[in-house]
């Protein structure tokens, strides 16, 4: 994890998860108690998940998803409350465009029939 910046949310999340799980494992509880305290599945599944994460860490270090390219467009945050409004506006616009296209097609057919 040292090759990933301490400020990266990915590193913070992985370290917090690992530290929590290690803390629970160090409590000396039974397997059933450990699984209940961790609350994320059976120990065997958690071991597999940890192995997968260990394979992912070098890839994440290579990909550097925390680095924003200089030519990236500005980040636009859409709040959940606004998303429904934006969806409704997009649907209304699409409906208006479809109506306009249908009207234009009908007018073209009418001209064609009159010619």
C-alpha atoms as a PDB file:
ATOM      1  CA  UNK A   1       0.000   0.000   0.000  1.00  0.00           C
ATOM      2  CA  UNK A   2       2.972   2.316   0.407  1.00  0.00           C
ATOM      3  CA  UNK A   3       3.103   2.998  -3.337  1.00  0.00           C
ATOM      4  CA  UNK A   4      -0.409   4.494  -3.094  1.00  0.00           C
ATOM      5  CA  UNK A   5      -0.669   8.017  -1.652  1.00  0.00           C
ATOM      6  CA  UNK A   6      -2.031   8.262   1.888  1.00  0.00           C
ATOM      7  CA  UNK A   7      -4.557  10.808   0.610  1.00  0.00           C
ATOM      8  CA  UNK A   8      -6.096   8.317  -1.860  1.00  0.00           C
ATOM      9  CA  UNK A   9      -9.547   7.177  -0.747  1.00  0.00           C
ATOM     10  CA  UNK A  10      -8.769   3.688  -2.059  1.00  0.00           C
ATOM     11  CA  UNK A  11      -5.817   3.345   0.327  1.00  0.00           C
ATOM     12  CA  UNK A  12      -7.763   4.790   3.234  1.00  0.00           C
ATOM     13  CA  UNK A  13     -10.631   2.353   2.653  1.00  0.00           C
ATOM     14  CA  UNK A  14      -8.422  -0.715   2.257  1.00  0.00           C
ATOM     15  CA  UNK A  15      -6.370   0.148   5.340  1.00  0.00           C
ATOM     16  CA  UNK A  16      -9.439   0.903   7.463  1.00  0.00           C
ATOM     17  CA  UNK A  17     -11.090  -2.366   6.415  1.00  0.00           C
ATOM     18  CA  UNK A  18      -7.937  -4.393   7.051  1.00  0.00           C
ATOM     19  CA  UNK A  19      -7.265  -2.734  10.412  1.00  0.00           C
ATOM     20  CA  UNK A  20     -10.851  -3.324  11.544  1.00  0.00           C
ATOM     21  CA  UNK A  21     -10.743  -6.973  10.556  1.00  0.00           C
ATOM     22  CA  UNK A  22      -7.318  -7.503  12.146  1.00  0.00           C
ATOM     23  CA  UNK A  23      -8.550  -5.891  15.340  1.00  0.00           C
ATOM     24  CA  UNK A  24     -11.517  -8.238  15.472  1.00  0.00           C
ATOM     25  CA  UNK A  25      -9.299 -11.254  14.707  1.00  0.00           C
ATOM     26  CA  UNK A  26      -6.978 -10.303  17.577  1.00  0.00           C
ATOM     27  CA  UNK A  27      -9.844 -10.419  20.056  1.00  0.00           C
ATOM     28  CA  UNK A  28      -9.540 -14.198  20.510  1.00  0.00           C
ATOM     29  CA  UNK A  29     -13.214 -14.785  19.678  1.00  0.00           C
ATOM     30  CA  UNK A  30     -14.565 -17.974  18.157  1.00  0.00           C
ATOM     31  CA  UNK A  31     -15.032 -18.296  14.381  1.00  0.00           C
ATOM     32  CA  UNK A  32     -18.779 -17.675  14.682  1.00  0.00           C
ATOM     33  CA  UNK A  33     -18.184 -14.616  16.878  1.00  0.00           C
ATOM     34  CA  UNK A  34     -15.579 -13.266  14.452  1.00  0.00           C
ATOM     35  CA  UNK A  35     -17.945 -13.644  11.505  1.00  0.00           C
ATOM     36  CA  UNK A  36     -20.689 -11.883  13.452  1.00  0.00           C
ATOM     37  CA  UNK A  37     -18.423  -9.041  14.610  1.00  0.00           C
ATOM     38  CA  UNK A  38     -17.007  -8.451  11.129  1.00  0.00           C
ATOM     39  CA  UNK A  39     -20.441  -8.898   9.590  1.00  0.00           C
ATOM     40  CA  UNK A  40     -19.273  -9.443   6.022  1.00  0.00           C
ATOM     41  CA  UNK A  41     -19.503 -13.185   5.461  1.00  0.00           C
ATOM     42  CA  UNK A  42     -17.652 -16.313   6.440  1.00  0.00           C
ATOM     43  CA  UNK A  43     -13.954 -16.192   7.285  1.00  0.00           C
ATOM     44  CA  UNK A  44     -13.132 -18.245   4.206  1.00  0.00           C
ATOM     45  CA  UNK A  45     -14.821 -15.602   2.037  1.00  0.00           C
ATOM     46  CA  UNK A  46     -12.970 -12.813   3.825  1.00  0.00           C
ATOM     47  CA  UNK A  47      -9.656 -14.579   3.221  1.00  0.00           C
ATOM     48  CA  UNK A  48     -10.438 -14.861  -0.505  1.00  0.00           C
ATOM     49  CA  UNK A  49     -11.464 -11.202  -0.567  1.00  0.00           C
ATOM     50  CA  UNK A  50      -8.181 -10.217   1.102  1.00  0.00           C
ATOM     51  CA  UNK A  51      -6.192 -12.259  -1.442  1.00  0.00           C
ATOM     52  CA  UNK A  52      -8.072 -10.571  -4.288  1.00  0.00           C
ATOM     53  CA  UNK A  53      -7.350  -7.162  -2.773  1.00  0.00           C
ATOM     54  CA  UNK A  54      -3.651  -8.003  -2.524  1.00  0.00           C
ATOM     55  CA  UNK A  55      -3.653  -8.749  -6.257  1.00  0.00           C
ATOM     56  CA  UNK A  56      -5.532  -5.525  -6.985  1.00  0.00           C
ATOM     57  CA  UNK A  57      -3.225  -3.187  -5.046  1.00  0.00           C
ATOM     58  CA  UNK A  58      -0.323  -3.260  -7.580  1.00  0.00           C
ATOM     59  CA  UNK A  59      -2.781  -2.734 -10.427  1.00  0.00           C
ATOM     60  CA  UNK A  60      -4.326   0.253  -8.679  1.00  0.00           C
ATOM     61  CA  UNK A  61      -0.824   1.644  -8.083  1.00  0.00           C
ATOM     62  CA  UNK A  62      -0.170   1.343 -11.819  1.00  0.00           C
ATOM     63  CA  UNK A  63      -3.546   2.767 -12.904  1.00  0.00           C
ATOM     64  CA  UNK A  64      -3.477   5.679 -10.407  1.00  0.00           C
ATOM     65  CA  UNK A  65      -7.250   6.339 -10.427  1.00  0.00           C
ATOM     66  CA  UNK A  66      -6.735   9.121  -7.871  1.00  0.00           C
ATOM     67  CA  UNK A  67      -4.821  11.225 -10.413  1.00  0.00           C
ATOM     68  CA  UNK A  68      -7.016  13.599 -12.389  1.00  0.00           C
ATOM     69  CA  UNK A  69      -5.636  14.217 -15.904  1.00  0.00           C
ATOM     70  CA  UNK A  70      -4.921  17.850 -16.746  1.00  0.00           C
ATOM     71  CA  UNK A  71      -7.250  17.704 -19.766  1.00  0.00           C
ATOM     72  CA  UNK A  72     -10.152  16.194 -17.784  1.00  0.00           C
ATOM     73  CA  UNK A  73     -13.443  18.089 -17.947  1.00  0.00           C
ATOM     74  CA  UNK A  74     -14.551  19.729 -14.711  1.00  0.00           C
ATOM     75  CA  UNK A  75     -16.296  17.444 -12.268  1.00  0.00           C
ATOM     76  CA  UNK A  76     -20.045  17.934 -12.148  1.00  0.00           C
ATOM     77  CA  UNK A  77     -21.799  16.773  -9.027  1.00  0.00           C
ATOM     78  CA  UNK A  78     -25.456  15.850  -9.422  1.00  0.00           C
ATOM     79  CA  UNK A  79     -27.371  15.513  -6.187  1.00  0.00           C
ATOM     80  CA  UNK A  80     -29.979  12.786  -5.956  1.00  0.00           C
ATOM     81  CA  UNK A  81     -32.790  15.336  -5.584  1.00  0.00           C
ATOM     82  CA  UNK A  82     -31.699  17.036  -8.800  1.00  0.00           C
ATOM     83  CA  UNK A  83     -31.326  13.781 -10.733  1.00  0.00           C
ATOM     84  CA  UNK A  84     -35.095  13.177 -10.934  1.00  0.00           C
ATOM     85  CA  UNK A  85     -35.624  16.735 -12.156  1.00  0.00           C
ATOM     86  CA  UNK A  86     -32.891  16.340 -14.770  1.00  0.00           C
ATOM     87  CA  UNK A  87     -34.363  13.009 -15.899  1.00  0.00           C
ATOM     88  CA  UNK A  88     -37.818  14.581 -16.258  1.00  0.00           C
ATOM     89  CA  UNK A  89     -36.401  17.492 -18.274  1.00  0.00           C
ATOM     90  CA  UNK A  90     -34.496  15.106 -20.552  1.00  0.00           C
ATOM     91  CA  UNK A  91     -37.642  13.019 -21.091  1.00  0.00           C
ATOM     92  CA  UNK A  92     -39.691  16.139 -21.908  1.00  0.00           C
ATOM     93  CA  UNK A  93     -37.040  17.302 -24.369  1.00  0.00           C
ATOM     94  CA  UNK A  94     -36.936  13.889 -26.072  1.00  0.00           C
ATOM     95  CA  UNK A  95     -40.738  13.857 -26.307  1.00  0.00           C
ATOM     96  CA  UNK A  96     -40.799  17.365 -27.824  1.00  0.00           C
ATOM     97  CA  UNK A  97     -38.123  16.375 -30.344  1.00  0.00           C
ATOM     98  CA  UNK A  98     -40.078  13.243 -31.298  1.00  0.00           C
ATOM     99  CA  UNK A  99     -43.263  15.298 -31.760  1.00  0.00           C
ATOM    100  CA  UNK A 100     -41.410  17.845 -33.904  1.00  0.00           C
ATOM    101  CA  UNK A 101     -39.932  15.076 -36.048  1.00  0.00           C
ATOM    102  CA  UNK A 102     -43.348  13.440 -36.476  1.00  0.00           C
ATOM    103  CA  UNK A 103     -44.886  16.801 -37.432  1.00  0.00           C
ATOM    104  CA  UNK A 104     -42.125  17.489 -39.973  1.00  0.00           C
ATOM    105  CA  UNK A 105     -42.582  14.021 -41.452  1.00  0.00           C
ATOM    106  CA  UNK A 106     -46.357  14.517 -41.710  1.00  0.00           C
ATOM    107  CA  UNK A 107     -45.855  17.886 -43.434  1.00  0.00           C
ATOM    108  CA  UNK A 108     -43.392  16.326 -45.877  1.00  0.00           C
ATOM    109  CA  UNK A 109     -45.859  13.582 -46.695  1.00  0.00           C
ATOM    110  CA  UNK A 110     -48.652  16.121 -47.162  1.00  0.00           C
ATOM    111  CA  UNK A 111     -46.508  18.143 -49.591  1.00  0.00           C
ATOM    112  CA  UNK A 112     -45.609  14.959 -51.414  1.00  0.00           C
ATOM    113  CA  UNK A 113     -49.296  13.987 -51.714  1.00  0.00           C
ATOM    114  CA  UNK A 114     -50.266  17.464 -52.988  1.00  0.00           C
ATOM    115  CA  UNK A 115     -47.540  17.509 -55.605  1.00  0.00           C
END
